[in-house]
Every structure is written in structure tokens, then in C-alpha cells.
Amino acid sequence: MAFKVFVLVFLAADIVERLTKPVNKLVVDAEPPVMFMARPKASTWKSGAYLKFVRSLPCCVTGRKGCDLDPVVAHHLIGHGEGKMGGKAHELLTMPMLASEHQMFHHDPKVWDQ
């Protein structure tokens, strides 16, 4: 009985050792160059994969899925560009809208809101 337990423990340890992957170690710069800049340039988070995910969702206005004639686009929230002149908001601050709704919104937001 003790031999069977030993073999099972040995096999389990061997399987765990083979399945575990080495952990990537992150190196954090204690004094990044941005710390020494008087006015560092603001960076915006961008992710093509996240935008693709947002475009796969139904429109947040109508609830419809997009089609070839009226696809869903990722609308960046207006006024969340962190105060940068002409800056876009982070890609986390996007929402899915049909292209037709998106165009109407940018054409005249006050009329679209009613």
C-alpha cells in the first residue's frame, strides 16, 4: 500500500512539474525617464483586440447587431480625451454604436439626444 501511495505522489509531482511554466519576471524601472520631464506627453491606451471586441457587441442605442451595410463601430466618449488638444479617449472608454447612429450623433448631438 505504501508503495502505491509513493508512486502516485511521485507521478503527481512529475505531472505538476511538467505542466508548470516559468513565470515571467517584470522589471520595474525605479526612475523612469518620464519622471524627469517637466511636462511629459500623456499616453493613450490603445488595443486593437479590445476594439474588435467592442465592434462584436450589439449597438448600445438600438440593441441591433451590425451588418455589412450598417456595421457596429467603436464610439470614443466625447470629452474624455484627458484635456489633450484633439486627443481621443482611451479605448476602454468606447461603446458600440451602429455606423448610422454614430454618424447622426456626430452630425448634431443635441438633435440626436432627443
PDB file of N, CA and C in Angstrom:
ATOM      1  N   MET A   1       0.823  -1.201   0.000  1.00  0.00           N
ATOM      2  CA  MET A   1       0.000   0.000   0.000  1.00  0.00           C
ATOM      3  C   MET A   1       0.861   1.257   0.000  1.00  0.00           C
ATOM      4  N   ALA A   2       1.918   1.259   0.810  1.00  0.00           N
ATOM      5  CA  ALA A   2       2.800   2.424   0.888  1.00  0.00           C
ATOM      6  C   ALA A   2       3.487   2.660  -0.450  1.00  0.00           C
ATOM      7  N   PHE A   3       3.805   1.564  -1.165  1.00  0.00           N
ATOM      8  CA  PHE A   3       4.466   1.695  -2.470  1.00  0.00           C
ATOM      9  C   PHE A   3       3.542   2.383  -3.469  1.00  0.00           C
ATOM     10  N   LYS A   4       2.240   2.011  -3.470  1.00  0.00           N
ATOM     11  CA  LYS A   4       1.277   2.617  -4.384  1.00  0.00           C
ATOM     12  C   LYS A   4       1.114   4.103  -4.091  1.00  0.00           C
ATOM     13  N   VAL A   5       1.055   4.482  -2.854  1.00  0.00           N
ATOM     14  CA  VAL A   5       0.933   5.892  -2.474  1.00  0.00           C
ATOM     15  C   VAL A   5       2.175   6.652  -2.923  1.00  0.00           C
ATOM     16  N   PHE A   6       3.351   6.073  -2.732  1.00  0.00           N
ATOM     17  CA  PHE A   6       4.596   6.708  -3.144  1.00  0.00           C
ATOM     18  C   PHE A   6       4.610   6.929  -4.655  1.00  0.00           C
ATOM     19  N   VAL A   7       4.194   5.936  -5.418  1.00  0.00           N
ATOM     20  CA  VAL A   7       4.184   6.033  -6.884  1.00  0.00           C
ATOM     21  C   VAL A   7       3.204   7.117  -7.323  1.00  0.00           C
ATOM     22  N   LEU A   8       2.007   7.160  -6.732  1.00  0.00           N
ATOM     23  CA  LEU A   8       1.031   8.182  -7.090  1.00  0.00           C
ATOM     24  C   LEU A   8       1.534   9.588  -6.770  1.00  0.00           C
ATOM     25  N   VAL A   9       2.148   9.759  -5.624  1.00  0.00           N
ATOM     26  CA  VAL A   9       2.696  11.063  -5.256  1.00  0.00           C
ATOM     27  C   VAL A   9       3.819  11.446  -6.206  1.00  0.00           C
ATOM     28  N   PHE A  10       4.662  10.488  -6.553  1.00  0.00           N
ATOM     29  CA  PHE A  10       5.772  10.744  -7.466  1.00  0.00           C
ATOM     30  C   PHE A  10       5.243  11.134  -8.846  1.00  0.00           C
ATOM     31  N   LEU A  11       4.230  10.407  -9.362  1.00  0.00           N
ATOM     32  CA  LEU A  11       3.648  10.720 -10.665  1.00  0.00           C
ATOM     33  C   LEU A  11       2.960  12.083 -10.645  1.00  0.00           C
ATOM     34  N   ALA A  12       2.244  12.378  -9.580  1.00  0.00           N
ATOM     35  CA  ALA A  12       1.571  13.676  -9.474  1.00  0.00           C
ATOM     36  C   ALA A  12       2.585  14.809  -9.457  1.00  0.00           C
ATOM     37  N   ALA A  13       3.667  14.638  -8.731  1.00  0.00           N
ATOM     38  CA  ALA A  13       4.708  15.671  -8.680  1.00  0.00           C
ATOM     39  C   ALA A  13       5.346  15.837 -10.051  1.00  0.00           C
ATOM     40  N   ASP A  14       5.541  14.741 -10.772  1.00  0.00           N
ATOM     41  CA  ASP A  14       6.136  14.797 -12.108  1.00  0.00           C
ATOM     42  C   ASP A  14       5.206  15.534 -13.073  1.00  0.00           C
ATOM     43  N   ILE A  15       3.911  15.257 -13.001  1.00  0.00           N
ATOM     44  CA  ILE A  15       2.937  15.921 -13.874  1.00  0.00           C
ATOM     45  C   ILE A  15       2.874  17.410 -13.568  1.00  0.00           C
ATOM     46  N   VAL A  16       2.834  17.762 -12.305  1.00  0.00           N
ATOM     47  CA  VAL A  16       2.792  19.175 -11.923  1.00  0.00           C
ATOM     48  C   VAL A  16       4.042  19.892 -12.401  1.00  0.00           C
ATOM     49  N   GLU A  17       5.190  19.249 -12.287  1.00  0.00           N
ATOM     50  CA  GLU A  17       6.451  19.871 -12.719  1.00  0.00           C
ATOM     51  C   GLU A  17       6.459  20.102 -14.218  1.00  0.00           C
ATOM     52  N   ARG A  18       5.908  19.153 -14.985  1.00  0.00           N
ATOM     53  CA  ARG A  18       5.886  19.313 -16.447  1.00  0.00           C
ATOM     54  C   ARG A  18       4.867  20.352 -16.889  1.00  0.00           C
ATOM     55  N   LEU A  19       3.764  20.491 -16.170  1.00  0.00           N
ATOM     56  CA  LEU A  19       2.714  21.420 -16.570  1.00  0.00           C
ATOM     57  C   LEU A  19       2.965  22.856 -16.138  1.00  0.00           C
ATOM     58  N   THR A  20       3.756  23.059 -15.130  1.00  0.00           N
ATOM     59  CA  THR A  20       4.018  24.424 -14.688  1.00  0.00           C
ATOM     60  C   THR A  20       4.968  25.109 -15.644  1.00  0.00           C
ATOM     61  N   LYS A  21       4.675  26.352 -15.901  1.00  0.00           N
ATOM     62  CA  LYS A  21       5.505  27.144 -16.800  1.00  0.00           C
ATOM     63  C   LYS A  21       6.256  28.180 -15.977  1.00  0.00           C
ATOM     64  N   PRO A  22       7.431  28.571 -16.434  1.00  0.00           N
ATOM     65  CA  PRO A  22       8.157  29.600 -15.678  1.00  0.00           C
ATOM     66  C   PRO A  22       7.397  30.934 -15.715  1.00  0.00           C
ATOM     67  N   VAL A  23       7.438  31.642 -14.623  1.00  0.00           N
ATOM     68  CA  VAL A  23       6.760  32.926 -14.514  1.00  0.00           C
ATOM     69  C   VAL A  23       7.672  34.009 -15.069  1.00  0.00           C
ATOM     70  N   ASN A  24       7.084  34.877 -15.898  1.00  0.00           N
ATOM     71  CA  ASN A  24       7.858  35.994 -16.425  1.00  0.00           C
ATOM     72  C   ASN A  24       8.066  37.017 -15.316  1.00  0.00           C
ATOM     73  N   LYS A  25       9.290  37.428 -15.154  1.00  0.00           N
ATOM     74  CA  LYS A  25       9.583  38.436 -14.141  1.00  0.00           C
ATOM     75  C   LYS A  25       9.543  39.810 -14.796  1.00  0.00           C
ATOM     76  N   LEU A  26       8.761  40.698 -14.212  1.00  0.00           N
ATOM     77  CA  LEU A  26       8.681  42.059 -14.713  1.00  0.00           C
ATOM     78  C   LEU A  26       9.731  42.914 -14.022  1.00  0.00           C
ATOM     79  N   VAL A  27      10.379  43.741 -14.814  1.00  0.00           N
ATOM     80  CA  VAL A  27      11.373  44.653 -14.266  1.00  0.00           C
ATOM     81  C   VAL A  27      10.753  46.044 -14.244  1.00  0.00           C
ATOM     82  N   VAL A  28      10.714  46.647 -13.081  1.00  0.00           N
ATOM     83  CA  VAL A  28      10.137  47.976 -12.924  1.00  0.00           C
ATOM     84  C   VAL A  28      11.279  48.964 -12.744  1.00  0.00           C
ATOM     85  N   ASP A  29      11.300  49.965 -13.609  1.00  0.00           N
ATOM     86  CA  ASP A  29      12.329  50.999 -13.540  1.00  0.00           C
ATOM     87  C   ASP A  29      11.981  51.937 -12.384  1.00  0.00           C
ATOM     88  N   ALA A  30      12.843  52.028 -11.402  1.00  0.00           N
ATOM     89  CA  ALA A  30      12.586  52.870 -10.233  1.00  0.00           C
ATOM     90  C   ALA A  30      12.595  54.350 -10.592  1.00  0.00           C
ATOM     91  N   GLU A  31      13.343  54.729 -11.608  1.00  0.00           N
ATOM     92  CA  GLU A  31      13.412  56.121 -12.037  1.00  0.00           C
ATOM     93  C   GLU A  31      13.220  56.195 -13.549  1.00  0.00           C
ATOM     94  N   PRO A  32      11.968  56.076 -14.025  1.00  0.00           N
ATOM     95  CA  PRO A  32      11.742  56.146 -15.473  1.00  0.00           C
ATOM     96  C   PRO A  32      12.039  57.554 -15.989  1.00  0.00           C
ATOM     97  N   PRO A  33      12.442  57.667 -17.247  1.00  0.00           N
ATOM     98  CA  PRO A  33      12.778  58.984 -17.811  1.00  0.00           C
ATOM     99  C   PRO A  33      11.635  59.991 -17.718  1.00  0.00           C
ATOM    100  N   VAL A  34      10.383  59.518 -17.737  1.00  0.00           N
ATOM    101  CA  VAL A  34       9.239  60.434 -17.679  1.00  0.00           C
ATOM    102  C   VAL A  34       9.233  61.226 -16.374  1.00  0.00           C
ATOM    103  N   MET A  35       9.795  60.658 -15.301  1.00  0.00           N
ATOM    104  CA  MET A  35       9.830  61.369 -14.016  1.00  0.00           C
ATOM    105  C   MET A  35      10.638  62.660 -14.094  1.00  0.00           C
ATOM    106  N   PHE A  36      11.582  62.728 -15.016  1.00  0.00           N
ATOM    107  CA  PHE A  36      12.480  63.873 -15.076  1.00  0.00           C
ATOM    108  C   PHE A  36      12.054  64.902 -16.120  1.00  0.00           C
ATOM    109  N   MET A  37      10.919  64.667 -16.795  1.00  0.00           N
ATOM    110  CA  MET A  37      10.424  65.619 -17.790  1.00  0.00           C
ATOM    111  C   MET A  37       9.518  66.636 -17.102  1.00  0.00           C
ATOM    112  N   ALA A  38       9.636  67.896 -17.521  1.00  0.00           N
ATOM    113  CA  ALA A  38       8.812  68.940 -16.922  1.00  0.00           C
ATOM    114  C   ALA A  38       7.338  68.717 -17.234  1.00  0.00           C
ATOM    115  N   ARG A  39       7.021  68.412 -18.497  1.00  0.00           N
ATOM    116  CA  ARG A  39       5.647  68.155 -18.916  1.00  0.00           C
ATOM    117  C   ARG A  39       5.641  66.924 -19.808  1.00  0.00           C
ATOM    118  N   PRO A  40       5.592  65.728 -19.219  1.00  0.00           N
ATOM    119  CA  PRO A  40       5.629  64.519 -20.040  1.00  0.00           C
ATOM    120  C   PRO A  40       4.384  64.393 -20.908  1.00  0.00           C
ATOM    121  N   LYS A  41       4.584  63.836 -22.094  1.00  0.00           N
ATOM    122  CA  LYS A  41       3.485  63.646 -23.030  1.00  0.00           C
ATOM    123  C   LYS A  41       2.551  62.566 -22.480  1.00  0.00           C
ATOM    124  N   ALA A  42       1.261  62.865 -22.464  1.00  0.00           N
ATOM    125  CA  ALA A  42       0.276  61.893 -21.989  1.00  0.00           C
ATOM    126  C   ALA A  42       0.144  60.767 -23.009  1.00  0.00           C
ATOM    127  N   SER A  43       0.054  59.554 -22.529  1.00  0.00           N
ATOM    128  CA  SER A  43      -0.110  58.422 -23.439  1.00  0.00           C
ATOM    129  C   SER A  43      -1.536  57.900 -23.326  1.00  0.00           C
ATOM    130  N   THR A  44      -2.059  57.460 -24.447  1.00  0.00           N
ATOM    131  CA  THR A  44      -3.409  56.930 -24.509  1.00  0.00           C
ATOM    132  C   THR A  44      -3.325  55.425 -24.696  1.00  0.00           C
ATOM    133  N   TRP A  45      -4.114  54.674 -23.921  1.00  0.00           N
ATOM    134  CA  TRP A  45      -4.107  53.217 -24.029  1.00  0.00           C
ATOM    135  C   TRP A  45      -4.831  52.820 -25.292  1.00  0.00           C
ATOM    136  N   LYS A  46      -4.180  52.009 -26.128  1.00  0.00           N
ATOM    137  CA  LYS A  46      -4.769  51.545 -27.380  1.00  0.00           C
ATOM    138  C   LYS A  46      -4.691  50.029 -27.434  1.00  0.00           C
ATOM    139  N   SER A  47      -5.754  49.420 -27.946  1.00  0.00           N
ATOM    140  CA  SER A  47      -5.787  47.968 -28.084  1.00  0.00           C
ATOM    141  C   SER A  47      -6.714  47.596 -29.230  1.00  0.00           C
ATOM    142  N   GLY A  48      -6.129  47.096 -30.311  1.00  0.00           N
ATOM    143  CA  GLY A  48      -6.924  46.650 -31.449  1.00  0.00           C
ATOM    144  C   GLY A  48      -7.828  45.483 -31.089  1.00  0.00           C
ATOM    145  N   ALA A  49      -7.340  44.608 -30.232  1.00  0.00           N
ATOM    146  CA  ALA A  49      -8.140  43.447 -29.822  1.00  0.00           C
ATOM    147  C   ALA A  49      -9.373  43.890 -29.043  1.00  0.00           C
ATOM    148  N   TYR A  50      -9.222  44.897 -28.173  1.00  0.00           N
ATOM    149  CA  TYR A  50     -10.364  45.378 -27.405  1.00  0.00           C
ATOM    150  C   TYR A  50     -11.385  46.057 -28.317  1.00  0.00           C
ATOM    151  N   LEU A  51     -10.903  46.848 -29.297  1.00  0.00           N
ATOM    152  CA  LEU A  51     -11.825  47.495 -30.235  1.00  0.00           C
ATOM    153  C   LEU A  51     -12.576  46.453 -31.059  1.00  0.00           C
ATOM    154  N   LYS A  52     -11.898  45.375 -31.428  1.00  0.00           N
ATOM    155  CA  LYS A  52     -12.559  44.302 -32.169  1.00  0.00           C
ATOM    156  C   LYS A  52     -13.664  43.690 -31.316  1.00  0.00           C
ATOM    157  N   PHE A  53     -13.394  43.520 -30.018  1.00  0.00           N
ATOM    158  CA  PHE A  53     -14.406  43.007 -29.098  1.00  0.00           C
ATOM    159  C   PHE A  53     -15.589  43.962 -29.018  1.00  0.00           C
ATOM    160  N   VAL A  54     -15.336  45.269 -28.903  1.00  0.00           N
ATOM    161  CA  VAL A  54     -16.420  46.259 -28.807  1.00  0.00           C
ATOM    162  C   VAL A  54     -17.261  46.220 -30.073  1.00  0.00           C
ATOM    163  N   ARG A  55     -16.616  46.076 -31.237  1.00  0.00           N
ATOM    164  CA  ARG A  55     -17.351  46.031 -32.506  1.00  0.00           C
ATOM    165  C   ARG A  55     -18.194  44.763 -32.642  1.00  0.00           C
ATOM    166  N   SER A  56     -17.880  43.740 -31.874  1.00  0.00           N
ATOM    167  CA  SER A  56     -18.655  42.493 -31.941  1.00  0.00           C
ATOM    168  C   SER A  56     -19.930  42.559 -31.106  1.00  0.00           C
ATOM    169  N   LEU A  57     -20.062  43.584 -30.271  1.00  0.00           N
ATOM    170  CA  LEU A  57     -21.233  43.734 -29.400  1.00  0.00           C
ATOM    171  C   LEU A  57     -22.393  44.374 -30.170  1.00  0.00           C
ATOM    172  N   PRO A  58     -23.621  44.215 -29.706  1.00  0.00           N
ATOM    173  CA  PRO A  58     -24.746  44.912 -30.340  1.00  0.00           C
ATOM    174  C   PRO A  58     -24.701  46.408 -30.026  1.00  0.00           C
ATOM    175  N   CYS A  59     -25.362  47.183 -30.841  1.00  0.00           N
ATOM    176  CA  CYS A  59     -25.412  48.640 -30.670  1.00  0.00           C
ATOM    177  C   CYS A  59     -26.028  48.989 -29.315  1.00  0.00           C
ATOM    178  N   CYS A  60     -25.415  49.924 -28.604  1.00  0.00           N
ATOM    179  CA  CYS A  60     -25.924  50.306 -27.284  1.00  0.00           C
ATOM    180  C   CYS A  60     -27.145  51.218 -27.394  1.00  0.00           C
ATOM    181  N   VAL A  61     -27.444  51.732 -28.585  1.00  0.00           N
ATOM    182  CA  VAL A  61     -28.599  52.609 -28.774  1.00  0.00           C
ATOM    183  C   VAL A  61     -29.822  51.799 -29.197  1.00  0.00           C
ATOM    184  N   THR A  62     -29.649  50.985 -30.253  1.00  0.00           N
ATOM    185  CA  THR A  62     -30.793  50.254 -30.819  1.00  0.00           C
ATOM    186  C   THR A  62     -30.854  48.803 -30.357  1.00  0.00           C
ATOM    187  N   GLY A  63     -29.721  48.250 -29.903  1.00  0.00           N
ATOM    188  CA  GLY A  63     -29.685  46.848 -29.499  1.00  0.00           C
ATOM    189  C   GLY A  63     -29.511  45.880 -30.653  1.00  0.00           C
ATOM    190  N   ARG A  64     -29.366  46.406 -31.885  1.00  0.00           N
ATOM    191  CA  ARG A  64     -29.219  45.549 -33.065  1.00  0.00           C
ATOM    192  C   ARG A  64     -27.758  45.204 -33.298  1.00  0.00           C
ATOM    193  N   LYS A  65     -27.534  44.031 -33.901  1.00  0.00           N
ATOM    194  CA  LYS A  65     -26.193  43.640 -34.342  1.00  0.00           C
ATOM    195  C   LYS A  65     -25.918  44.357 -35.658  1.00  0.00           C
ATOM    196  N   GLY A  66     -24.653  44.584 -35.946  1.00  0.00           N
ATOM    197  CA  GLY A  66     -24.295  45.244 -37.186  1.00  0.00           C
ATOM    198  C   GLY A  66     -24.401  44.308 -38.377  1.00  0.00           C
ATOM    199  N   CYS A  67     -24.432  44.880 -39.575  1.00  0.00           N
ATOM    200  CA  CYS A  67     -24.429  44.109 -40.819  1.00  0.00           C
ATOM    201  C   CYS A  67     -23.452  44.783 -41.778  1.00  0.00           C
ATOM    202  N   ASP A  68     -23.327  44.264 -42.990  1.00  0.00           N
ATOM    203  CA  ASP A  68     -22.382  44.834 -43.953  1.00  0.00           C
ATOM    204  C   ASP A  68     -22.738  46.274 -44.317  1.00  0.00           C
ATOM    205  N   LEU A  69     -24.037  46.573 -44.393  1.00  0.00           N
ATOM    206  CA  LEU A  69     -24.455  47.922 -44.779  1.00  0.00           C
ATOM    207  C   LEU A  69     -24.395  48.913 -43.620  1.00  0.00           C
ATOM    208  N   ASP A  70     -24.550  48.426 -42.413  1.00  0.00           N
ATOM    209  CA  ASP A  70     -24.547  49.297 -41.234  1.00  0.00           C
ATOM    210  C   ASP A  70     -23.793  48.591 -40.098  1.00  0.00           C
ATOM    211  N   PRO A  71     -22.444  48.583 -40.173  1.00  0.00           N
ATOM    212  CA  PRO A  71     -21.672  47.850 -39.160  1.00  0.00           C
ATOM    213  C   PRO A  71     -21.639  48.579 -37.822  1.00  0.00           C
ATOM    214  N   VAL A  72     -21.293  47.845 -36.793  1.00  0.00           N
ATOM    215  CA  VAL A  72     -21.102  48.439 -35.466  1.00  0.00           C
ATOM    216  C   VAL A  72     -19.689  49.020 -35.421  1.00  0.00           C
ATOM    217  N   VAL A  73     -19.582  50.256 -34.951  1.00  0.00           N
ATOM    218  CA  VAL A  73     -18.283  50.912 -34.802  1.00  0.00           C
ATOM    219  C   VAL A  73     -18.068  51.243 -33.327  1.00  0.00           C
ATOM    220  N   ALA A  74     -16.832  51.470 -32.956  1.00  0.00           N
ATOM    221  CA  ALA A  74     -16.500  51.810 -31.570  1.00  0.00           C
ATOM    222  C   ALA A  74     -16.497  53.334 -31.434  1.00  0.00           C
ATOM    223  N   HIS A  75     -17.439  53.854 -30.673  1.00  0.00           N
ATOM    224  CA  HIS A  75     -17.544  55.300 -30.454  1.00  0.00           C
ATOM    225  C   HIS A  75     -16.756  55.674 -29.205  1.00  0.00           C
ATOM    226  N   HIS A  76     -15.764  56.563 -29.361  1.00  0.00           N
ATOM    227  CA  HIS A  76     -15.000  57.054 -28.212  1.00  0.00           C
ATOM    228  C   HIS A  76     -15.823  58.132 -27.517  1.00  0.00           C
ATOM    229  N   LEU A  77     -15.914  58.055 -26.212  1.00  0.00           N
ATOM    230  CA  LEU A  77     -16.697  59.033 -25.463  1.00  0.00           C
ATOM    231  C   LEU A  77     -16.113  60.429 -25.656  1.00  0.00           C
ATOM    232  N   ILE A  78     -16.972  61.364 -25.928  1.00  0.00           N
ATOM    233  CA  ILE A  78     -16.539  62.742 -26.186  1.00  0.00           C
ATOM    234  C   ILE A  78     -16.293  63.441 -24.854  1.00  0.00           C
ATOM    235  N   GLY A  79     -15.214  64.212 -24.797  1.00  0.00           N
ATOM    236  CA  GLY A  79     -14.901  64.964 -23.588  1.00  0.00           C
ATOM    237  C   GLY A  79     -14.064  64.189 -22.592  1.00  0.00           C
ATOM    238  N   HIS A  80     -13.596  63.015 -22.980  1.00  0.00           N
ATOM    239  CA  HIS A  80     -12.755  62.223 -22.096  1.00  0.00           C
ATOM    240  C   HIS A  80     -11.363  62.027 -22.702  1.00  0.00           C
ATOM    241  N   GLY A  81     -10.875  63.033 -23.418  1.00  0.00           N
ATOM    242  CA  GLY A  81      -9.556  62.967 -24.029  1.00  0.00           C
ATOM    243  C   GLY A  81      -8.460  63.444 -23.105  1.00  0.00           C
ATOM    244  N   GLU A  82      -8.731  63.491 -21.823  1.00  0.00           N
ATOM    245  CA  GLU A  82      -7.788  63.917 -20.794  1.00  0.00           C
ATOM    246  C   GLU A  82      -7.227  65.309 -21.035  1.00  0.00           C
ATOM    247  N   GLY A  83      -8.007  66.160 -21.643  1.00  0.00           N
ATOM    248  CA  GLY A  83      -7.598  67.544 -21.822  1.00  0.00           C
ATOM    249  C   GLY A  83      -6.557  67.767 -22.911  1.00  0.00           C
ATOM    250  N   LYS A  84      -6.288  66.744 -23.711  1.00  0.00           N
ATOM    251  CA  LYS A  84      -5.328  66.911 -24.799  1.00  0.00           C
ATOM    252  C   LYS A  84      -6.044  67.571 -25.976  1.00  0.00           C
ATOM    253  N   MET A  85      -5.382  68.481 -26.613  1.00  0.00           N
ATOM    254  CA  MET A  85      -5.963  69.136 -27.774  1.00  0.00           C
ATOM    255  C   MET A  85      -6.112  68.110 -28.889  1.00  0.00           C
ATOM    256  N   GLY A  86      -7.336  67.831 -29.284  1.00  0.00           N
ATOM    257  CA  GLY A  86      -7.581  66.863 -30.343  1.00  0.00           C
ATOM    258  C   GLY A  86      -7.320  65.429 -29.919  1.00  0.00           C
ATOM    259  N   GLY A  87      -7.231  65.182 -28.615  1.00  0.00           N
ATOM    260  CA  GLY A  87      -6.914  63.844 -28.133  1.00  0.00           C
ATOM    261  C   GLY A  87      -8.148  62.971 -28.016  1.00  0.00           C
ATOM    262  N   LYS A  88      -7.966  61.703 -28.307  1.00  0.00           N
ATOM    263  CA  LYS A  88      -9.044  60.736 -28.160  1.00  0.00           C
ATOM    264  C   LYS A  88      -9.004  60.150 -26.762  1.00  0.00           C
ATOM    265  N   ALA A  89     -10.141  59.643 -26.350  1.00  0.00           N
ATOM    266  CA  ALA A  89     -10.219  58.965 -25.065  1.00  0.00           C
ATOM    267  C   ALA A  89      -9.526  57.608 -25.171  1.00  0.00           C
ATOM    268  N   HIS A  90      -9.196  57.021 -24.037  1.00  0.00           N
ATOM    269  CA  HIS A  90      -8.646  55.672 -24.017  1.00  0.00           C
ATOM    270  C   HIS A  90      -9.642  54.731 -24.670  1.00  0.00           C
ATOM    271  N   GLU A  91      -9.151  53.627 -25.183  1.00  0.00           N
ATOM    272  CA  GLU A  91     -10.024  52.684 -25.857  1.00  0.00           C
ATOM    273  C   GLU A  91     -10.943  51.965 -24.882  1.00  0.00           C
ATOM    274  N   LEU A  92     -10.646  52.020 -23.581  1.00  0.00           N
ATOM    275  CA  LEU A  92     -11.585  51.471 -22.611  1.00  0.00           C
ATOM    276  C   LEU A  92     -12.852  52.311 -22.540  1.00  0.00           C
ATOM    277  N   LEU A  93     -12.750  53.578 -22.939  1.00  0.00           N
ATOM    278  CA  LEU A  93     -13.891  54.489 -22.897  1.00  0.00           C
ATOM    279  C   LEU A  93     -14.585  54.531 -24.256  1.00  0.00           C
ATOM    280  N   THR A  94     -14.918  53.361 -24.792  1.00  0.00           N
ATOM    281  CA  THR A  94     -15.634  53.270 -26.060  1.00  0.00           C
ATOM    282  C   THR A  94     -16.918  52.491 -25.848  1.00  0.00           C
ATOM    283  N   MET A  95     -17.853  52.698 -26.758  1.00  0.00           N
ATOM    284  CA  MET A  95     -19.099  51.935 -26.701  1.00  0.00           C
ATOM    285  C   MET A  95     -19.521  51.598 -28.124  1.00  0.00           C
ATOM    286  N   PRO A  96     -20.206  50.467 -28.311  1.00  0.00           N
ATOM    287  CA  PRO A  96     -20.599  50.047 -29.658  1.00  0.00           C
ATOM    288  C   PRO A  96     -21.812  50.829 -30.154  1.00  0.00           C
ATOM    289  N   MET A  97     -21.700  51.374 -31.358  1.00  0.00           N
ATOM    290  CA  MET A  97     -22.820  52.079 -31.984  1.00  0.00           C
ATOM    291  C   MET A  97     -22.868  51.680 -33.449  1.00  0.00           C
ATOM    292  N   LEU A  98     -24.081  51.573 -33.995  1.00  0.00           N
ATOM    293  CA  LEU A  98     -24.207  51.356 -35.427  1.00  0.00           C
ATOM    294  C   LEU A  98     -23.626  52.566 -36.151  1.00  0.00           C
ATOM    295  N   ALA A  99     -23.047  52.333 -37.310  1.00  0.00           N
ATOM    296  CA  ALA A  99     -22.404  53.421 -38.054  1.00  0.00           C
ATOM    297  C   ALA A  99     -23.402  54.542 -38.361  1.00  0.00           C
ATOM    298  N   SER A 100     -24.657  54.194 -38.669  1.00  0.00           N
ATOM    299  CA  SER A 100     -25.662  55.221 -38.970  1.00  0.00           C
ATOM    300  C   SER A 100     -25.955  56.071 -37.728  1.00  0.00           C
ATOM    301  N   GLU A 101     -26.098  55.431 -36.559  1.00  0.00           N
ATOM    302  CA  GLU A 101     -26.327  56.180 -35.321  1.00  0.00           C
ATOM    303  C   GLU A 101     -25.114  57.035 -34.970  1.00  0.00           C
ATOM    304  N   HIS A 102     -23.926  56.490 -35.192  1.00  0.00           N
ATOM    305  CA  HIS A 102     -22.686  57.208 -34.906  1.00  0.00           C
ATOM    306  C   HIS A 102     -22.583  58.464 -35.768  1.00  0.00           C
ATOM    307  N   GLN A 103     -22.936  58.322 -37.046  1.00  0.00           N
ATOM    308  CA  GLN A 103     -22.876  59.468 -37.964  1.00  0.00           C
ATOM    309  C   GLN A 103     -23.903  60.524 -37.556  1.00  0.00           C
ATOM    310  N   MET A 104     -25.139  60.104 -37.225  1.00  0.00           N
ATOM    311  CA  MET A 104     -26.163  61.065 -36.792  1.00  0.00           C
ATOM    312  C   MET A 104     -25.733  61.771 -35.508  1.00  0.00           C
ATOM    313  N   PHE A 105     -25.108  61.025 -34.594  1.00  0.00           N
ATOM    314  CA  PHE A 105     -24.663  61.617 -33.337  1.00  0.00           C
ATOM    315  C   PHE A 105     -23.624  62.707 -33.587  1.00  0.00           C
ATOM    316  N   HIS A 106     -22.639  62.433 -34.425  1.00  0.00           N
ATOM    317  CA  HIS A 106     -21.592  63.426 -34.676  1.00  0.00           C
ATOM    318  C   HIS A 106     -22.092  64.574 -35.541  1.00  0.00           C
ATOM    319  N   HIS A 107     -23.136  64.335 -36.325  1.00  0.00           N
ATOM    320  CA  HIS A 107     -23.674  65.407 -37.159  1.00  0.00           C
ATOM    321  C   HIS A 107     -24.329  66.486 -36.303  1.00  0.00           C
ATOM    322  N   ASP A 108     -25.159  66.074 -35.340  1.00  0.00           N
ATOM    323  CA  ASP A 108     -25.814  67.037 -34.441  1.00  0.00           C
ATOM    324  C   ASP A 108     -26.178  66.328 -33.139  1.00  0.00           C
ATOM    325  N   PRO A 109     -25.296  66.352 -32.133  1.00  0.00           N
ATOM    326  CA  PRO A 109     -25.546  65.632 -30.881  1.00  0.00           C
ATOM    327  C   PRO A 109     -26.818  66.063 -30.148  1.00  0.00           C
ATOM    328  N   LYS A 110     -27.167  67.349 -30.218  1.00  0.00           N
ATOM    329  CA  LYS A 110     -28.355  67.818 -29.491  1.00  0.00           C
ATOM    330  C   LYS A 110     -29.633  67.246 -30.085  1.00  0.00           C
ATOM    331  N   VAL A 111     -29.720  67.196 -31.400  1.00  0.00           N
ATOM    332  CA  VAL A 111     -30.906  66.626 -32.065  1.00  0.00           C
ATOM    333  C   VAL A 111     -30.943  65.125 -31.826  1.00  0.00           C
ATOM    334  N   TRP A 112     -29.789  64.462 -31.915  1.00  0.00           N
ATOM    335  CA  TRP A 112     -29.720  63.010 -31.729  1.00  0.00           C
ATOM    336  C   TRP A 112     -30.147  62.616 -30.314  1.00  0.00           C
ATOM    337  N   ASP A 113     -29.853  63.457 -29.336  1.00  0.00           N
ATOM    338  CA  ASP A 113     -30.143  63.148 -27.942  1.00  0.00           C
ATOM    339  C   ASP A 113     -31.649  63.150 -27.662  1.00  0.00           C
ATOM    340  N   GLN A 114     -32.421  63.813 -28.500  1.00  0.00           N
ATOM    341  CA  GLN A 114     -33.868  63.889 -28.273  1.00  0.00           C
ATOM    342  C   GLN A 114     -34.508  62.702 -28.855  1.00  0.00           C
TER     343      GLN A 114
END
